[in-house]
Amino acid sequence: MADDVATRVQVLAPADGEATLAQVLALPGSPGQPFAAPRRQTLAELSRRILTDPSLRSDPAAVALGYWLRRSNIDAMAQAFERRQQASPNTVFVPAGRVFHVAPGNVDTVFVYSWALSYLCGNQNIVRVSGRTSQVLAQLLDALSTQMQTDSELAGGNRFLTYEHDREVSEALSNWATHRVIWGGDETVAELRLLPLSPHASERTFGSKFSYSVMSLPAYCNASPETVEKLAAGFFNDVFMFEQMACSSPHLLVWVGSPGLLDAAQTRFHAALAQEIERRGYRGQPGNAIHRLNFVFDLACDVPLRANLHDREFLAVRLSEGAPVTKEICGAGLLSETRIDELPQLLEFAQPHDQTVTHFGFDESELREIAQQAGARGVDRFVPVGEALAFDTTWDGYDLISDFLRQVTVRMGPT
């Protein structure tokens, strides 16, 4: 633990500016009742602030967050919690207590999802966000700060801050916590896991992940123009919302079916995606095109492939039949494509660091069967194309509500 509690950090919400570590750790609030009505109302009000802010309304990820925080969704979570309580009559659910969140730097909105679930469960929270502050991140923090001005309970038990990578500060916050949750790349997770927790504390980590998409060739070739347009819109959301750097964004498209259908499907898919890009007026970072090209040229040294270098804002790489699939991530709109004969062959790609598989054209029994096997190898989610980034209370295969709660057993003796 840091010996110098006078070490200063930058508090972002409430917007107090610099504060000593001692001041941050001395939160005046205390844990509350899980899913208490005032906390549900606080998140509903935060949803309203996000969805009525003109700047945040222009950001798809912020809009998705605002809708996720809306009262009806929070109430549905509360109802699920009530069912959990009813199913466990010998258990009293209490907050984990004090939660230290380390947010990733590549997805601006993750820190709110992580914090909101913990807050709903009644915990005190200290959230460390990236120092690479984006406009969306700054506006979300401003919304929280503004709400804290009239919400003493929110202000008393929650701090959002940033600081340069400092082992002593992270160690002090880890020692304060009864639960630590780390979002980030494998290197970040490995580094922070070296910092000790209280012997009675728990932890959940979310490291680097790889995600991909699987689509039925017959289903896609026979799909109506309206369906193809909808799929292109969904695929756009999955890939481009965070420059393809969200852990659940697909980097590989696996076509399933006869090789005779592949050319027609790819031509149709690429054209539809290009039209969607133009319809949205999307333009990526200036260096994206060069980054994609460098990645493909390096890949072509090791793997036989074909690529159309004239596509705008994305680059689809068709791997030759039988060519090995690399899971190195490029991002910036780079998509590798391959083909298999049948869905069970998808198991050849499944590994422990896989996360999300988006799908189109398969029935539920097929997906449940492959999920049973692929899940045992590491895959966490099978969701429709367009829902890769949809946040859920179950993430990377773990129930976050359970993580943020403790279960106290109460059993009566014979009477």
Protein backbone atom coordinates (compact mmCIF):
# COMPACT_ATOMS: atom_id res chain seq x y z
CA MET A 1 0.00 0.00 0.00
CA ALA A 2 1.21 3.52 -0.76
CA ASP A 3 2.89 5.06 2.26
CA ASP A 4 2.34 8.61 1.01
CA VAL A 5 -1.42 9.14 1.29
CA ALA A 6 -0.83 12.74 0.26
CA THR A 7 -0.23 11.50 -3.31
CA ARG A 8 -2.56 13.45 -5.57
CA VAL A 9 -4.92 12.12 -8.24
CA GLN A 10 -7.22 13.90 -10.66
CA VAL A 11 -10.86 13.56 -9.59
CA LEU A 12 -13.16 13.86 -12.61
CA ALA A 13 -16.52 13.32 -10.94
CA PRO A 14 -17.52 15.00 -8.77
CA ALA A 15 -15.53 17.67 -10.60
CA ASP A 16 -13.30 18.61 -7.67
CA GLY A 17 -10.00 18.67 -9.54
CA GLU A 18 -6.98 17.30 -7.74
CA ALA A 19 -7.38 15.46 -4.45
CA THR A 20 -5.11 13.50 -2.17
CA LEU A 21 -5.33 9.75 -2.14
CA ALA A 22 -6.41 9.95 1.50
CA GLN A 23 -9.34 12.16 0.54
CA VAL A 24 -10.43 9.77 -2.20
CA LEU A 25 -10.26 6.74 0.08
CA ALA A 26 -12.29 8.48 2.79
CA LEU A 27 -15.61 8.29 0.96
CA PRO A 28 -18.29 9.79 3.20
CA GLY A 29 -21.01 7.42 1.95
CA SER A 30 -21.60 3.78 2.79
CA PRO A 31 -22.92 0.70 0.98
CA GLY A 32 -26.67 0.61 0.46
CA GLN A 33 -29.49 -1.78 -0.29
CA PRO A 34 -29.17 -3.73 -3.57
CA PHE A 35 -31.50 -2.38 -6.26
CA ALA A 36 -32.91 0.26 -3.93
CA ALA A 37 -35.46 2.57 -5.56
CA PRO A 38 -33.33 5.75 -5.16
CA ARG A 39 -30.42 4.14 -6.99
CA ARG A 40 -32.69 2.99 -9.79
CA GLN A 41 -34.03 6.53 -10.05
CA THR A 42 -30.48 7.91 -10.20
CA LEU A 43 -29.64 5.75 -13.22
CA ALA A 44 -32.92 6.68 -14.91
CA GLU A 45 -32.04 10.34 -14.45
CA LEU A 46 -28.55 9.73 -15.86
CA SER A 47 -30.19 8.08 -18.88
CA ARG A 48 -32.30 11.20 -19.39
CA ARG A 49 -29.24 13.43 -19.21
CA ILE A 50 -27.40 11.36 -21.80
CA LEU A 51 -30.31 11.08 -24.22
CA THR A 52 -31.13 14.79 -24.08
CA ASP A 53 -27.55 16.00 -24.50
CA PRO A 54 -27.18 17.12 -28.15
CA SER A 55 -23.52 16.08 -28.38
CA LEU A 56 -24.00 12.68 -26.75
CA ARG A 57 -27.08 12.08 -28.91
CA SER A 58 -24.79 12.22 -31.94
CA ASP A 59 -22.61 9.38 -30.63
CA PRO A 60 -24.11 5.88 -31.22
CA ALA A 61 -22.27 4.31 -28.28
CA ALA A 62 -23.50 6.99 -25.88
CA VAL A 63 -27.06 6.59 -27.19
CA ALA A 64 -26.84 2.82 -26.66
CA LEU A 65 -25.67 3.46 -23.10
CA GLY A 66 -28.51 5.92 -22.50
CA TYR A 67 -31.09 3.38 -23.63
CA TRP A 68 -29.48 0.65 -21.53
CA LEU A 69 -29.80 2.91 -18.46
CA ARG A 70 -33.45 3.77 -19.11
CA ARG A 71 -35.91 3.07 -16.32
CA SER A 72 -37.62 0.10 -18.00
CA ASN A 73 -34.33 -1.77 -18.43
CA ILE A 74 -33.18 -1.05 -14.88
CA ASP A 75 -36.58 -2.16 -13.54
CA ALA A 76 -36.27 -5.40 -15.53
CA MET A 77 -32.92 -6.03 -13.80
CA ALA A 78 -34.55 -5.33 -10.45
CA GLN A 79 -37.31 -7.82 -11.21
CA ALA A 80 -34.72 -10.45 -12.15
CA PHE A 81 -33.01 -9.76 -8.82
CA GLU A 82 -36.31 -10.24 -6.99
CA ARG A 83 -36.75 -13.60 -8.71
CA ARG A 84 -33.23 -14.52 -7.63
CA GLN A 85 -34.12 -13.68 -4.05
CA GLN A 86 -37.33 -15.72 -4.19
CA ALA A 87 -35.43 -18.71 -5.56
CA SER A 88 -32.97 -18.54 -2.62
CA PRO A 89 -35.08 -18.27 0.54
CA ASN A 90 -32.10 -19.10 2.78
CA THR A 91 -29.94 -16.33 1.33
CA VAL A 92 -29.69 -12.63 2.05
CA PHE A 93 -27.96 -10.66 -0.73
CA VAL A 94 -25.74 -7.80 0.39
CA PRO A 95 -23.31 -5.51 -1.48
CA ALA A 96 -19.76 -6.66 -2.05
CA GLY A 97 -18.88 -3.38 -0.31
CA ARG A 98 -16.13 -1.32 -1.93
CA VAL A 99 -15.42 -1.82 -5.64
CA PHE A 100 -12.36 -0.55 -7.52
CA HIS A 101 -12.94 -0.46 -11.29
CA VAL A 102 -10.13 -0.09 -13.82
CA ALA A 103 -11.72 0.92 -17.14
CA PRO A 104 -10.25 0.25 -20.60
CA GLY A 105 -8.94 3.00 -22.81
CA ASN A 106 -10.40 1.74 -26.10
CA VAL A 107 -14.15 1.86 -25.33
CA ASP A 108 -15.38 5.11 -23.81
CA THR A 109 -18.62 3.81 -22.32
CA VAL A 110 -17.51 0.59 -20.54
CA PHE A 111 -16.71 2.40 -17.30
CA VAL A 112 -20.37 3.45 -16.94
CA TYR A 113 -21.73 -0.07 -17.51
CA SER A 114 -19.34 -1.55 -14.95
CA TRP A 115 -20.00 1.17 -12.40
CA ALA A 116 -23.79 1.19 -12.91
CA LEU A 117 -24.17 -2.52 -12.15
CA SER A 118 -22.02 -2.23 -9.05
CA TYR A 119 -23.89 0.90 -7.97
CA LEU A 120 -27.23 -0.87 -8.44
CA CYS A 121 -25.97 -3.65 -6.18
CA GLY A 122 -25.45 -1.09 -3.41
CA ASN A 123 -21.65 -0.70 -3.51
CA GLN A 124 -19.30 2.21 -3.00
CA ASN A 125 -17.18 2.70 -6.11
CA ILE A 126 -13.88 4.19 -7.20
CA VAL A 127 -13.49 4.13 -10.98
CA ARG A 128 -10.17 4.78 -12.68
CA VAL A 129 -10.65 5.91 -16.29
CA SER A 130 -8.01 6.37 -18.97
CA GLY A 131 -6.05 9.59 -19.05
CA ARG A 132 -6.59 9.69 -22.83
CA THR A 133 -9.82 11.63 -22.40
CA SER A 134 -12.10 11.70 -25.44
CA GLN A 135 -14.97 14.10 -25.97
CA VAL A 136 -17.55 11.39 -25.20
CA LEU A 137 -15.74 10.33 -22.04
CA ALA A 138 -15.52 13.93 -20.86
CA GLN A 139 -19.23 14.53 -21.53
CA LEU A 140 -20.27 11.38 -19.67
CA LEU A 141 -18.17 12.42 -16.68
CA ASP A 142 -19.69 15.89 -16.86
CA ALA A 143 -23.18 14.33 -16.79
CA LEU A 144 -22.24 12.37 -13.67
CA SER A 145 -20.72 15.45 -12.02
CA THR A 146 -23.81 17.53 -12.74
CA GLN A 147 -26.07 14.89 -11.24
CA MET A 148 -23.86 14.60 -8.17
CA GLN A 149 -24.55 18.27 -7.41
CA THR A 150 -28.13 17.42 -6.43
CA ASP A 151 -27.69 13.76 -5.44
CA SER A 152 -25.79 13.52 -2.16
CA GLU A 153 -25.98 9.72 -2.03
CA LEU A 154 -24.40 9.44 -5.49
CA ALA A 155 -21.73 12.01 -4.65
CA GLY A 156 -20.97 10.49 -1.27
CA GLY A 157 -20.20 6.96 -2.35
CA ASN A 158 -18.62 7.26 -5.80
CA ARG A 159 -15.46 8.73 -7.28
CA PHE A 160 -14.35 8.81 -10.90
CA LEU A 161 -10.68 9.65 -11.29
CA THR A 162 -7.55 9.27 -13.37
CA TYR A 163 -3.85 9.18 -12.67
CA GLU A 164 -0.68 8.26 -14.49
CA HIS A 165 0.28 4.61 -14.21
CA ASP A 166 1.39 4.55 -10.60
CA ARG A 167 1.87 1.24 -8.82
CA GLU A 168 1.53 2.74 -5.35
CA VAL A 169 -1.76 4.46 -6.11
CA SER A 170 -3.21 1.33 -7.71
CA GLU A 171 -2.02 -0.72 -4.75
CA ALA A 172 -3.69 1.63 -2.27
CA LEU A 173 -6.96 1.48 -4.19
CA SER A 174 -6.71 -2.30 -4.44
CA ASN A 175 -6.18 -2.59 -0.69
CA TRP A 176 -9.23 -0.38 -0.12
CA ALA A 177 -11.43 -2.60 -2.28
CA THR A 178 -13.41 -5.65 -1.30
CA HIS A 179 -13.86 -6.38 -5.02
CA ARG A 180 -11.67 -5.34 -7.95
CA VAL A 181 -12.71 -5.41 -11.60
CA ILE A 182 -10.13 -4.85 -14.33
CA TRP A 183 -11.01 -4.13 -17.95
CA GLY A 184 -8.11 -3.94 -20.38
CA GLY A 185 -5.57 -5.79 -22.46
CA ASP A 186 -3.73 -8.85 -21.19
CA GLU A 187 -0.68 -6.76 -20.25
CA THR A 188 -2.77 -4.40 -18.12
CA VAL A 189 -4.51 -7.31 -16.41
CA ALA A 190 -1.23 -9.11 -15.72
CA GLU A 191 0.38 -5.97 -14.30
CA LEU A 192 -2.51 -5.08 -11.98
CA ARG A 193 -2.99 -8.65 -10.82
CA LEU A 194 0.44 -8.43 -9.20
CA LEU A 195 -0.96 -5.86 -6.78
CA PRO A 196 -2.28 -7.51 -3.63
CA LEU A 197 -5.89 -7.44 -2.56
CA SER A 198 -7.23 -7.90 0.93
CA PRO A 199 -7.26 -11.63 1.76
CA HIS A 200 -11.05 -11.37 1.90
CA ALA A 201 -11.50 -9.49 -1.39
CA SER A 202 -12.55 -10.89 -4.76
CA GLU A 203 -11.65 -9.99 -8.34
CA ARG A 204 -12.90 -10.22 -11.92
CA THR A 205 -10.71 -9.48 -14.93
CA PHE A 206 -11.57 -8.89 -18.58
CA GLY A 207 -8.48 -9.20 -20.75
CA SER A 208 -7.82 -9.27 -24.49
CA LYS A 209 -10.43 -11.07 -26.59
CA PHE A 210 -11.01 -12.05 -30.22
CA SER A 211 -14.44 -12.07 -31.86
CA TYR A 212 -15.77 -13.17 -35.23
CA SER A 213 -18.90 -13.59 -37.31
CA VAL A 214 -20.43 -16.67 -38.94
CA MET A 215 -23.00 -16.54 -41.75
CA SER A 216 -24.80 -19.21 -43.76
CA LEU A 217 -24.02 -18.94 -47.47
CA PRO A 218 -27.40 -20.30 -48.63
CA ALA A 219 -29.31 -18.08 -46.21
CA TYR A 220 -27.39 -14.97 -47.22
CA CYS A 221 -27.61 -15.61 -50.97
CA ASN A 222 -31.37 -16.15 -50.66
CA ALA A 223 -31.97 -13.22 -48.31
CA SER A 224 -34.22 -10.37 -49.43
CA PRO A 225 -32.65 -6.99 -50.27
CA GLU A 226 -34.19 -5.61 -47.09
CA THR A 227 -32.51 -8.31 -45.00
CA VAL A 228 -29.16 -7.72 -46.68
CA GLU A 229 -29.44 -3.99 -45.94
CA LYS A 230 -30.32 -4.70 -42.31
CA LEU A 231 -27.37 -7.06 -41.97
CA ALA A 232 -25.03 -4.45 -43.45
CA ALA A 233 -26.31 -1.88 -40.94
CA GLY A 234 -25.81 -4.32 -38.08
CA PHE A 235 -22.37 -5.29 -39.27
CA PHE A 236 -21.44 -1.61 -39.53
CA ASN A 237 -22.42 -1.08 -35.89
CA ASP A 238 -20.47 -4.15 -34.78
CA VAL A 239 -17.28 -3.10 -36.56
CA PHE A 240 -17.04 0.68 -36.78
CA MET A 241 -18.47 2.03 -33.52
CA PHE A 242 -15.07 1.86 -31.76
CA GLU A 243 -12.80 1.57 -34.80
CA GLN A 244 -13.17 -2.24 -34.49
CA MET A 245 -11.21 -2.23 -31.23
CA ALA A 246 -14.00 -3.31 -28.86
CA CYS A 247 -13.38 -6.83 -27.59
CA SER A 248 -16.65 -7.99 -29.16
CA SER A 249 -16.11 -6.47 -32.62
CA PRO A 250 -15.65 -9.15 -35.32
CA HIS A 251 -12.33 -9.42 -37.15
CA LEU A 252 -13.05 -12.63 -39.04
CA LEU A 253 -16.09 -13.56 -41.15
CA VAL A 254 -16.66 -17.30 -41.55
CA TRP A 255 -18.96 -18.29 -44.42
CA VAL A 256 -20.64 -21.68 -44.05
CA GLY A 257 -21.75 -23.63 -47.11
CA SER A 258 -20.87 -24.66 -50.63
CA PRO A 259 -17.79 -23.04 -52.25
CA GLY A 260 -19.90 -22.37 -55.34
CA LEU A 261 -21.88 -19.73 -53.40
CA LEU A 262 -18.93 -17.85 -51.96
CA ASP A 263 -18.18 -15.40 -54.78
CA ALA A 264 -21.79 -14.24 -55.08
CA ALA A 265 -22.18 -13.89 -51.31
CA GLN A 266 -18.99 -11.90 -50.88
CA THR A 267 -19.78 -9.59 -53.79
CA ARG A 268 -23.23 -8.91 -52.35
CA PHE A 269 -21.92 -8.44 -48.81
CA HIS A 270 -19.09 -6.08 -49.76
CA ALA A 271 -21.39 -3.95 -51.90
CA ALA A 272 -24.01 -3.72 -49.15
CA LEU A 273 -21.40 -2.78 -46.53
CA ALA A 274 -19.89 -0.14 -48.84
CA GLN A 275 -23.37 1.35 -49.38
CA GLU A 276 -23.99 1.43 -45.63
CA ILE A 277 -20.68 3.19 -45.05
CA GLU A 278 -21.62 5.84 -47.60
CA ARG A 279 -25.14 6.17 -46.20
CA ARG A 280 -23.72 6.85 -42.74
CA GLY A 281 -21.10 9.23 -44.09
CA TYR A 282 -18.49 7.35 -42.07
CA ARG A 283 -14.86 8.34 -42.37
CA GLY A 284 -12.27 6.66 -40.19
CA GLN A 285 -9.06 8.05 -38.78
CA PRO A 286 -6.66 9.39 -41.45
CA GLY A 287 -4.08 6.68 -40.81
CA ASN A 288 -6.52 3.76 -40.96
CA ALA A 289 -6.00 3.00 -44.66
CA ILE A 290 -2.22 2.83 -44.31
CA HIS A 291 -2.55 0.70 -41.17
CA ARG A 292 -4.83 -1.76 -42.99
CA LEU A 293 -2.52 -1.99 -46.00
CA ASN A 294 0.58 -2.58 -43.88
CA PHE A 295 -1.21 -5.34 -42.01
CA VAL A 296 -2.35 -7.04 -45.22
CA PHE A 297 1.08 -6.84 -46.85
CA ASP A 298 2.63 -8.44 -43.76
CA LEU A 299 -0.10 -11.09 -43.70
CA ALA A 300 0.41 -11.86 -47.41
CA CYS A 301 4.03 -12.82 -46.67
CA ASP A 302 2.77 -15.78 -44.63
CA VAL A 303 -0.74 -16.61 -45.87
CA PRO A 304 -2.13 -16.91 -49.44
CA LEU A 305 -4.95 -14.42 -49.83
CA ARG A 306 -6.90 -12.11 -52.15
CA ALA A 307 -7.91 -8.55 -51.38
CA ASN A 308 -9.64 -5.66 -53.12
CA LEU A 309 -7.50 -2.66 -52.22
CA HIS A 310 -10.04 -0.18 -53.61
CA ASP A 311 -12.75 -0.57 -50.95
CA ARG A 312 -13.20 2.59 -48.87
CA GLU A 313 -13.04 2.57 -45.06
CA PHE A 314 -12.71 -1.23 -44.91
CA LEU A 315 -10.53 -3.92 -46.42
CA ALA A 316 -11.82 -7.46 -46.85
CA VAL A 317 -9.17 -10.16 -47.12
CA ARG A 318 -10.24 -13.48 -48.61
CA LEU A 319 -8.07 -16.29 -47.29
CA SER A 320 -7.36 -19.11 -49.70
CA GLU A 321 -9.01 -22.48 -49.10
CA GLY A 322 -7.16 -24.29 -46.33
CA ALA A 323 -5.07 -21.24 -45.37
CA PRO A 324 -4.49 -20.87 -41.63
CA VAL A 325 -6.54 -18.24 -39.81
CA THR A 326 -4.55 -15.71 -37.85
CA LYS A 327 -6.13 -14.10 -34.78
CA GLU A 328 -3.82 -11.11 -34.76
CA ILE A 329 -5.95 -7.97 -34.52
CA CYS A 330 -5.56 -5.11 -36.96
CA GLY A 331 -8.75 -3.13 -36.41
CA ALA A 332 -9.49 0.00 -38.46
CA GLY A 333 -11.91 -1.88 -40.75
CA LEU A 334 -9.80 -4.94 -41.64
CA LEU A 335 -11.89 -8.09 -42.12
CA SER A 336 -10.52 -11.56 -42.92
CA GLU A 337 -12.90 -14.00 -44.61
CA THR A 338 -12.78 -17.77 -44.88
CA ARG A 339 -15.17 -20.61 -45.68
CA ILE A 340 -16.12 -23.91 -44.05
CA ASP A 341 -18.50 -26.61 -45.22
CA GLU A 342 -20.52 -27.08 -42.03
CA LEU A 343 -21.10 -25.18 -38.80
CA PRO A 344 -19.40 -27.77 -36.52
CA GLN A 345 -16.11 -26.92 -38.25
CA LEU A 346 -16.30 -23.61 -36.41
CA LEU A 347 -14.84 -25.51 -33.47
CA GLU A 348 -11.50 -25.43 -35.27
CA PHE A 349 -11.34 -21.70 -34.52
CA ALA A 350 -12.53 -21.79 -30.89
CA GLN A 351 -9.90 -20.87 -28.30
CA PRO A 352 -9.90 -19.65 -24.67
CA HIS A 353 -9.42 -15.98 -25.64
CA ASP A 354 -12.46 -15.93 -27.97
CA GLN A 355 -15.46 -13.91 -26.90
CA THR A 356 -18.33 -13.07 -29.26
CA VAL A 357 -19.61 -14.88 -32.35
CA THR A 358 -22.24 -12.94 -34.29
CA HIS A 359 -24.42 -15.11 -36.51
CA PHE A 360 -26.93 -15.15 -39.35
CA GLY A 361 -28.83 -17.94 -41.07
CA PHE A 362 -28.80 -20.75 -38.49
CA ASP A 363 -31.59 -22.17 -36.34
CA GLU A 364 -31.55 -22.23 -32.56
CA SER A 365 -30.81 -25.94 -32.23
CA GLU A 366 -27.69 -25.60 -34.42
CA LEU A 367 -26.44 -22.64 -32.42
CA ARG A 368 -27.09 -24.22 -29.03
CA GLU A 369 -25.26 -27.37 -30.07
CA ILE A 370 -22.22 -25.49 -31.32
CA ALA A 371 -22.32 -23.17 -28.28
CA GLN A 372 -22.16 -26.16 -25.97
CA GLN A 373 -18.90 -27.30 -27.56
CA ALA A 374 -17.37 -23.95 -28.45
CA GLY A 375 -18.24 -22.56 -25.03
CA ALA A 376 -16.28 -25.35 -23.38
CA ARG A 377 -13.29 -24.22 -25.47
CA GLY A 378 -13.63 -20.56 -24.57
CA VAL A 379 -16.32 -18.76 -26.65
CA ASP A 380 -18.56 -16.61 -24.44
CA ARG A 381 -21.43 -15.34 -26.62
CA PHE A 382 -23.45 -16.15 -29.73
CA VAL A 383 -25.56 -13.13 -30.69
CA PRO A 384 -27.21 -11.92 -33.92
CA VAL A 385 -25.27 -9.73 -36.32
CA GLY A 386 -25.71 -6.17 -35.08
CA GLU A 387 -25.65 -7.06 -31.37
CA ALA A 388 -21.92 -7.58 -30.85
CA LEU A 389 -21.61 -4.47 -28.68
CA ALA A 390 -24.89 -4.89 -26.77
CA PHE A 391 -23.88 -5.00 -23.11
CA ASP A 392 -25.44 -7.57 -20.80
CA THR A 393 -25.22 -8.44 -17.12
CA THR A 394 -23.51 -11.66 -18.19
CA TRP A 395 -20.18 -10.79 -19.78
CA ASP A 396 -17.31 -13.04 -20.83
CA GLY A 397 -19.33 -15.89 -19.37
CA TYR A 398 -19.64 -14.40 -15.88
CA ASP A 399 -22.67 -13.09 -13.98
CA LEU A 400 -21.66 -9.54 -13.02
CA ILE A 401 -24.59 -9.10 -10.64
CA SER A 402 -23.29 -12.05 -8.62
CA ASP A 403 -19.80 -10.54 -8.70
CA PHE A 404 -21.02 -7.30 -7.14
CA LEU A 405 -22.98 -9.04 -4.36
CA ARG A 406 -22.24 -11.29 -1.40
CA GLN A 407 -24.58 -14.04 -0.31
CA VAL A 408 -25.25 -14.37 3.41
CA THR A 409 -26.80 -17.69 4.42
CA VAL A 410 -29.62 -17.69 6.96
CA ARG A 411 -31.01 -21.10 8.04
CA MET A 412 -33.32 -21.78 10.92
CA GLY A 413 -32.97 -24.75 13.21
CA PRO A 414 -35.76 -27.16 14.11
CA THR A 415 -38.57 -25.75 16.22
